[in-house]
N, C-alpha and C. Protein backbone atom coordinates (compact mmCIF):
# COMPACT_ATOMS: atom_id res chain seq x y z
N MET A 1 -25.22 3.47 -2.48
CA MET A 1 -24.93 4.30 -1.33
C MET A 1 -23.43 4.23 -1.01
N ALA A 2 -22.81 5.37 -0.87
CA ALA A 2 -21.38 5.42 -0.59
C ALA A 2 -21.12 5.00 0.86
N MET A 3 -20.05 4.23 1.03
CA MET A 3 -19.67 3.81 2.38
C MET A 3 -18.81 4.90 3.00
N ALA A 4 -18.85 4.98 4.32
CA ALA A 4 -18.09 6.00 5.03
C ALA A 4 -16.59 5.72 4.94
N ALA A 5 -15.83 6.79 4.81
CA ALA A 5 -14.37 6.66 4.80
C ALA A 5 -13.93 6.14 6.17
N ARG A 6 -12.86 5.36 6.15
CA ARG A 6 -12.36 4.73 7.38
C ARG A 6 -10.99 5.29 7.73
N LEU A 7 -10.81 5.71 8.97
CA LEU A 7 -9.53 6.25 9.42
C LEU A 7 -8.46 5.16 9.41
N ILE A 8 -7.32 5.47 8.78
CA ILE A 8 -6.18 4.54 8.79
C ILE A 8 -5.19 4.97 9.87
N CYS A 9 -4.81 6.26 9.84
CA CYS A 9 -3.83 6.76 10.79
C CYS A 9 -3.81 8.28 10.73
N LEU A 10 -3.03 8.89 11.59
CA LEU A 10 -2.84 10.33 11.54
C LEU A 10 -1.78 10.66 10.49
N SER A 11 -1.85 11.84 9.90
CA SER A 11 -0.89 12.23 8.87
C SER A 11 0.55 12.11 9.36
N GLY A 12 0.78 12.49 10.61
CA GLY A 12 2.13 12.46 11.16
C GLY A 12 2.70 11.06 11.32
N ASP A 13 1.85 10.04 11.21
CA ASP A 13 2.33 8.65 11.34
C ASP A 13 3.08 8.19 10.09
N LEU A 14 2.90 8.89 8.97
CA LEU A 14 3.55 8.49 7.72
C LEU A 14 4.60 9.52 7.33
N LEU A 15 5.86 9.13 7.41
CA LEU A 15 6.96 9.98 7.00
C LEU A 15 7.37 9.62 5.58
N ASP A 16 7.82 10.61 4.82
CA ASP A 16 8.22 10.37 3.43
C ASP A 16 9.27 9.28 3.34
N GLY A 17 8.97 8.21 2.59
CA GLY A 17 9.91 7.11 2.41
C GLY A 17 10.12 6.29 3.66
N GLY A 18 9.32 6.54 4.68
CA GLY A 18 9.49 5.84 5.96
C GLY A 18 8.58 4.63 6.08
N PRO A 19 8.47 4.11 7.29
CA PRO A 19 7.63 2.94 7.51
C PRO A 19 6.19 3.18 7.10
N GLY A 20 5.54 2.14 6.64
CA GLY A 20 4.14 2.23 6.27
C GLY A 20 3.24 1.92 7.46
N VAL A 21 1.97 2.08 7.24
CA VAL A 21 0.97 1.71 8.24
C VAL A 21 0.12 0.60 7.63
N ARG A 22 0.00 -0.49 8.36
CA ARG A 22 -0.79 -1.62 7.89
C ARG A 22 -2.25 -1.47 8.31
N PHE A 23 -3.15 -1.95 7.46
CA PHE A 23 -4.57 -2.03 7.81
C PHE A 23 -5.16 -3.17 7.01
N THR A 24 -6.43 -3.47 7.18
CA THR A 24 -7.04 -4.57 6.43
C THR A 24 -8.23 -4.05 5.64
N VAL A 25 -8.52 -4.74 4.55
CA VAL A 25 -9.69 -4.45 3.73
C VAL A 25 -10.41 -5.77 3.45
N ARG A 26 -11.68 -5.68 3.10
CA ARG A 26 -12.42 -6.87 2.65
C ARG A 26 -12.46 -6.83 1.13
N ARG A 27 -11.98 -7.89 0.51
CA ARG A 27 -11.94 -7.97 -0.94
C ARG A 27 -12.38 -9.37 -1.33
N TYR A 28 -13.37 -9.45 -2.21
CA TYR A 28 -13.92 -10.75 -2.62
C TYR A 28 -14.33 -11.57 -1.39
N GLY A 29 -14.87 -10.89 -0.37
CA GLY A 29 -15.39 -11.58 0.80
C GLY A 29 -14.38 -12.03 1.83
N THR A 30 -13.11 -11.72 1.64
CA THR A 30 -12.11 -12.13 2.62
C THR A 30 -11.31 -10.92 3.10
N GLU A 31 -10.81 -11.02 4.33
CA GLU A 31 -9.96 -9.97 4.88
C GLU A 31 -8.60 -10.05 4.19
N GLU A 32 -8.11 -8.91 3.71
CA GLU A 32 -6.80 -8.88 3.08
C GLU A 32 -5.95 -7.81 3.73
N PRO A 33 -4.65 -8.08 3.88
CA PRO A 33 -3.77 -7.07 4.42
C PRO A 33 -3.55 -5.95 3.40
N ALA A 34 -3.39 -4.74 3.92
CA ALA A 34 -3.14 -3.59 3.06
C ALA A 34 -2.14 -2.68 3.79
N PHE A 35 -1.62 -1.70 3.07
CA PHE A 35 -0.69 -0.77 3.71
C PHE A 35 -0.77 0.59 3.03
N ALA A 36 -0.38 1.61 3.78
CA ALA A 36 -0.30 2.97 3.26
C ALA A 36 1.12 3.48 3.51
N VAL A 37 1.64 4.25 2.54
CA VAL A 37 2.96 4.86 2.66
C VAL A 37 2.89 6.30 2.15
N ARG A 38 3.89 7.08 2.52
CA ARG A 38 4.01 8.44 1.98
C ARG A 38 5.23 8.49 1.08
N PHE A 39 5.05 9.06 -0.12
CA PHE A 39 6.14 9.19 -1.09
C PHE A 39 6.03 10.55 -1.75
N GLN A 40 7.10 11.33 -1.69
CA GLN A 40 7.12 12.68 -2.26
C GLN A 40 5.93 13.50 -1.79
N GLY A 41 5.64 13.39 -0.50
CA GLY A 41 4.60 14.20 0.11
C GLY A 41 3.19 13.67 0.00
N ARG A 42 2.97 12.69 -0.86
CA ARG A 42 1.62 12.16 -1.06
C ARG A 42 1.47 10.78 -0.45
N VAL A 43 0.23 10.43 -0.10
CA VAL A 43 -0.05 9.14 0.50
C VAL A 43 -0.60 8.18 -0.55
N PHE A 44 -0.11 6.96 -0.55
CA PHE A 44 -0.56 5.91 -1.47
C PHE A 44 -0.85 4.67 -0.64
N ALA A 45 -1.83 3.87 -1.08
CA ALA A 45 -2.15 2.63 -0.37
C ALA A 45 -2.37 1.51 -1.37
N TYR A 46 -2.02 0.30 -0.95
CA TYR A 46 -2.12 -0.88 -1.81
C TYR A 46 -2.50 -2.09 -0.98
N CYS A 47 -3.07 -3.09 -1.66
CA CYS A 47 -3.22 -4.39 -1.03
C CYS A 47 -1.81 -4.93 -0.80
N ASN A 48 -1.59 -5.54 0.34
CA ASN A 48 -0.26 -6.03 0.69
C ASN A 48 -0.06 -7.44 0.13
N ARG A 49 -0.02 -7.51 -1.20
CA ARG A 49 0.14 -8.77 -1.91
C ARG A 49 1.06 -8.55 -3.10
N CYS A 50 2.15 -9.28 -3.16
CA CYS A 50 3.05 -9.21 -4.31
C CYS A 50 2.30 -9.72 -5.55
N ALA A 51 2.58 -9.12 -6.70
CA ALA A 51 1.93 -9.56 -7.93
C ALA A 51 2.50 -10.88 -8.44
N HIS A 52 3.66 -11.26 -7.96
CA HIS A 52 4.32 -12.50 -8.42
C HIS A 52 3.71 -13.72 -7.73
N VAL A 53 3.77 -13.74 -6.42
CA VAL A 53 3.12 -14.78 -5.63
C VAL A 53 2.41 -14.07 -4.48
N PRO A 54 1.29 -14.60 -4.00
CA PRO A 54 0.51 -13.88 -3.00
C PRO A 54 1.13 -13.87 -1.61
N VAL A 55 2.25 -13.16 -1.47
CA VAL A 55 2.88 -12.98 -0.16
C VAL A 55 2.87 -11.50 0.18
N GLU A 56 2.99 -11.19 1.46
CA GLU A 56 3.04 -9.79 1.87
C GLU A 56 4.42 -9.21 1.54
N LEU A 57 4.45 -7.91 1.29
CA LEU A 57 5.68 -7.28 0.85
C LEU A 57 6.69 -6.99 1.94
N ASP A 58 6.25 -6.61 3.14
CA ASP A 58 7.16 -6.08 4.16
C ASP A 58 8.35 -6.99 4.40
N TRP A 59 9.54 -6.40 4.34
CA TRP A 59 10.75 -7.17 4.65
C TRP A 59 11.06 -7.11 6.14
N GLN A 60 10.57 -6.09 6.79
CA GLN A 60 10.54 -5.97 8.24
C GLN A 60 9.14 -5.43 8.52
N PRO A 61 8.62 -5.60 9.72
CA PRO A 61 7.29 -5.06 9.98
C PRO A 61 7.21 -3.58 9.57
N LYS A 62 6.24 -3.26 8.74
CA LYS A 62 5.96 -1.90 8.25
C LYS A 62 7.01 -1.33 7.31
N GLU A 63 8.02 -2.10 6.91
CA GLU A 63 9.05 -1.60 5.99
C GLU A 63 8.73 -2.06 4.57
N PHE A 64 8.34 -1.10 3.72
CA PHE A 64 7.94 -1.43 2.36
C PHE A 64 8.89 -0.85 1.31
N PHE A 65 9.66 0.18 1.69
CA PHE A 65 10.58 0.80 0.74
C PHE A 65 11.90 0.05 0.71
N ASP A 66 12.58 0.09 -0.44
CA ASP A 66 13.93 -0.46 -0.53
C ASP A 66 14.89 0.53 0.14
N HIS A 67 16.18 0.21 0.15
CA HIS A 67 17.15 1.05 0.86
C HIS A 67 17.25 2.47 0.28
N SER A 68 16.92 2.64 -1.00
CA SER A 68 16.99 3.97 -1.61
C SER A 68 15.81 4.86 -1.25
N LYS A 69 14.75 4.25 -0.70
CA LYS A 69 13.49 4.93 -0.37
C LYS A 69 12.75 5.43 -1.61
N LEU A 70 13.09 4.89 -2.79
CA LEU A 70 12.45 5.30 -4.04
C LEU A 70 11.47 4.27 -4.57
N TYR A 71 11.57 3.04 -4.11
CA TYR A 71 10.74 1.96 -4.64
C TYR A 71 10.17 1.12 -3.51
N LEU A 72 8.98 0.57 -3.75
CA LEU A 72 8.43 -0.45 -2.85
C LEU A 72 9.05 -1.77 -3.28
N ILE A 73 9.40 -2.60 -2.32
CA ILE A 73 10.08 -3.85 -2.66
C ILE A 73 9.40 -5.03 -1.96
N CYS A 74 9.31 -6.15 -2.67
CA CYS A 74 8.80 -7.38 -2.08
C CYS A 74 9.96 -8.10 -1.40
N ALA A 75 9.81 -8.37 -0.13
CA ALA A 75 10.88 -9.00 0.64
C ALA A 75 11.22 -10.40 0.14
N THR A 76 10.23 -11.09 -0.43
CA THR A 76 10.44 -12.49 -0.78
C THR A 76 11.33 -12.67 -2.01
N HIS A 77 11.04 -11.95 -3.10
CA HIS A 77 11.82 -12.14 -4.33
C HIS A 77 12.42 -10.86 -4.88
N GLY A 78 12.26 -9.74 -4.18
CA GLY A 78 12.91 -8.52 -4.60
C GLY A 78 12.24 -7.76 -5.74
N ALA A 79 10.98 -8.07 -6.05
CA ALA A 79 10.27 -7.31 -7.08
C ALA A 79 10.16 -5.86 -6.64
N LEU A 80 10.34 -4.93 -7.59
CA LEU A 80 10.25 -3.51 -7.29
C LEU A 80 8.99 -2.92 -7.90
N TYR A 81 8.34 -2.04 -7.13
CA TYR A 81 7.11 -1.39 -7.58
C TYR A 81 7.22 0.12 -7.40
N SER A 82 6.54 0.85 -8.27
CA SER A 82 6.47 2.29 -8.15
C SER A 82 5.57 2.66 -6.98
N PRO A 83 6.04 3.51 -6.04
CA PRO A 83 5.17 3.91 -4.92
C PRO A 83 4.00 4.77 -5.38
N GLU A 84 4.11 5.39 -6.55
CA GLU A 84 3.08 6.31 -7.02
C GLU A 84 1.88 5.63 -7.66
N ASP A 85 2.07 4.46 -8.27
CA ASP A 85 0.94 3.81 -8.93
C ASP A 85 0.96 2.28 -8.80
N GLY A 86 1.97 1.74 -8.13
CA GLY A 86 2.03 0.30 -7.89
C GLY A 86 2.50 -0.53 -9.06
N ARG A 87 2.90 0.12 -10.16
CA ARG A 87 3.29 -0.69 -11.33
C ARG A 87 4.63 -1.39 -11.09
N CYS A 88 4.78 -2.53 -11.73
CA CYS A 88 5.98 -3.34 -11.62
C CYS A 88 7.13 -2.64 -12.35
N LEU A 89 8.25 -2.45 -11.66
CA LEU A 89 9.41 -1.80 -12.26
C LEU A 89 10.55 -2.78 -12.51
N GLY A 90 10.46 -3.97 -11.94
CA GLY A 90 11.53 -4.94 -12.15
C GLY A 90 11.37 -6.10 -11.20
N GLY A 91 11.96 -7.22 -11.57
CA GLY A 91 11.84 -8.41 -10.74
C GLY A 91 10.83 -9.37 -11.33
N ARG A 92 10.32 -10.24 -10.47
CA ARG A 92 9.53 -11.37 -10.95
C ARG A 92 8.03 -11.12 -10.94
N CYS A 93 7.61 -9.85 -11.09
CA CYS A 93 6.18 -9.57 -11.07
C CYS A 93 5.56 -9.66 -12.47
N ASN A 94 6.36 -9.97 -13.49
CA ASN A 94 5.85 -10.21 -14.85
C ASN A 94 4.91 -9.12 -15.35
N GLY A 95 5.25 -7.87 -15.03
CA GLY A 95 4.45 -6.77 -15.53
C GLY A 95 3.18 -6.49 -14.76
N ARG A 96 2.86 -7.34 -13.78
CA ARG A 96 1.65 -7.10 -12.98
C ARG A 96 2.02 -6.21 -11.80
N GLY A 97 1.13 -5.30 -11.46
CA GLY A 97 1.42 -4.37 -10.38
C GLY A 97 0.63 -4.67 -9.13
N LEU A 98 0.80 -3.80 -8.16
CA LEU A 98 0.06 -3.88 -6.90
C LEU A 98 -1.35 -3.34 -7.12
N THR A 99 -2.28 -3.77 -6.29
CA THR A 99 -3.66 -3.30 -6.36
C THR A 99 -3.79 -2.02 -5.54
N PRO A 100 -4.01 -0.87 -6.21
CA PRO A 100 -4.10 0.39 -5.47
C PRO A 100 -5.42 0.49 -4.72
N LEU A 101 -5.38 1.20 -3.61
CA LEU A 101 -6.57 1.43 -2.80
C LEU A 101 -6.79 2.94 -2.67
N PRO A 102 -8.06 3.38 -2.73
CA PRO A 102 -8.34 4.82 -2.65
C PRO A 102 -8.17 5.36 -1.23
N VAL A 103 -7.26 6.31 -1.09
CA VAL A 103 -7.06 6.96 0.19
C VAL A 103 -7.03 8.47 -0.01
N GLU A 104 -7.36 9.18 1.04
CA GLU A 104 -7.25 10.63 0.98
C GLU A 104 -6.73 11.14 2.32
N GLU A 105 -6.05 12.27 2.23
CA GLU A 105 -5.52 12.91 3.42
C GLU A 105 -6.28 14.20 3.64
N ARG A 106 -6.86 14.34 4.82
CA ARG A 106 -7.58 15.57 5.15
C ARG A 106 -7.63 15.75 6.66
N ASP A 107 -7.62 16.99 7.07
CA ASP A 107 -7.73 17.32 8.50
C ASP A 107 -6.73 16.57 9.37
N GLY A 108 -5.50 16.42 8.86
CA GLY A 108 -4.46 15.78 9.66
C GLY A 108 -4.56 14.29 9.80
N ALA A 109 -5.33 13.64 8.91
CA ALA A 109 -5.50 12.19 9.00
C ALA A 109 -5.57 11.57 7.61
N ILE A 110 -5.33 10.26 7.55
CA ILE A 110 -5.39 9.49 6.31
C ILE A 110 -6.60 8.57 6.39
N TYR A 111 -7.42 8.59 5.33
CA TYR A 111 -8.64 7.79 5.29
C TYR A 111 -8.64 6.87 4.07
N PHE A 112 -9.16 5.66 4.27
CA PHE A 112 -9.42 4.72 3.18
C PHE A 112 -10.88 4.89 2.78
N THR A 113 -11.13 4.96 1.48
CA THR A 113 -12.49 5.13 0.98
C THR A 113 -12.99 3.81 0.40
N PRO A 114 -13.89 3.13 1.09
CA PRO A 114 -14.39 1.83 0.61
C PRO A 114 -15.19 1.98 -0.68
N SER A 115 -15.24 0.88 -1.44
CA SER A 115 -16.04 0.83 -2.66
C SER A 115 -16.86 -0.46 -2.65
N GLU A 116 -17.60 -0.70 -3.70
CA GLU A 116 -18.37 -1.96 -3.75
C GLU A 116 -17.45 -3.17 -3.82
N GLN A 117 -16.27 -3.02 -4.45
CA GLN A 117 -15.36 -4.14 -4.62
C GLN A 117 -14.48 -4.35 -3.38
N ILE A 118 -14.06 -3.25 -2.76
CA ILE A 118 -13.13 -3.34 -1.64
C ILE A 118 -13.65 -2.48 -0.51
N SER A 119 -13.84 -3.07 0.65
CA SER A 119 -14.37 -2.30 1.78
C SER A 119 -13.56 -2.52 3.03
């Protein structure tokens, strides 16, 4: 049985390359921080965990992009990730990327779609 989509925020809350919106998901039975951002008009969401060490990415509250607004950056060690798919682009992530989360934008809002693994 499919779980109901969960409202994260309104579409207007996410500006291109701007601050993200934080939310939480349940993964492997524990609450985990997550975030959503807008990049090139589309919304992407990931677990808020660096692939290098399990720390949250934000360098300031809700700030996930680097100064160029082209990459997601881990505040702790400077690892860079692609906003479009979470893959590691450089730094100490050793080729491991961010864990993407299924989101959709409809009717002026952003929704997270739970699955059996992540709810």
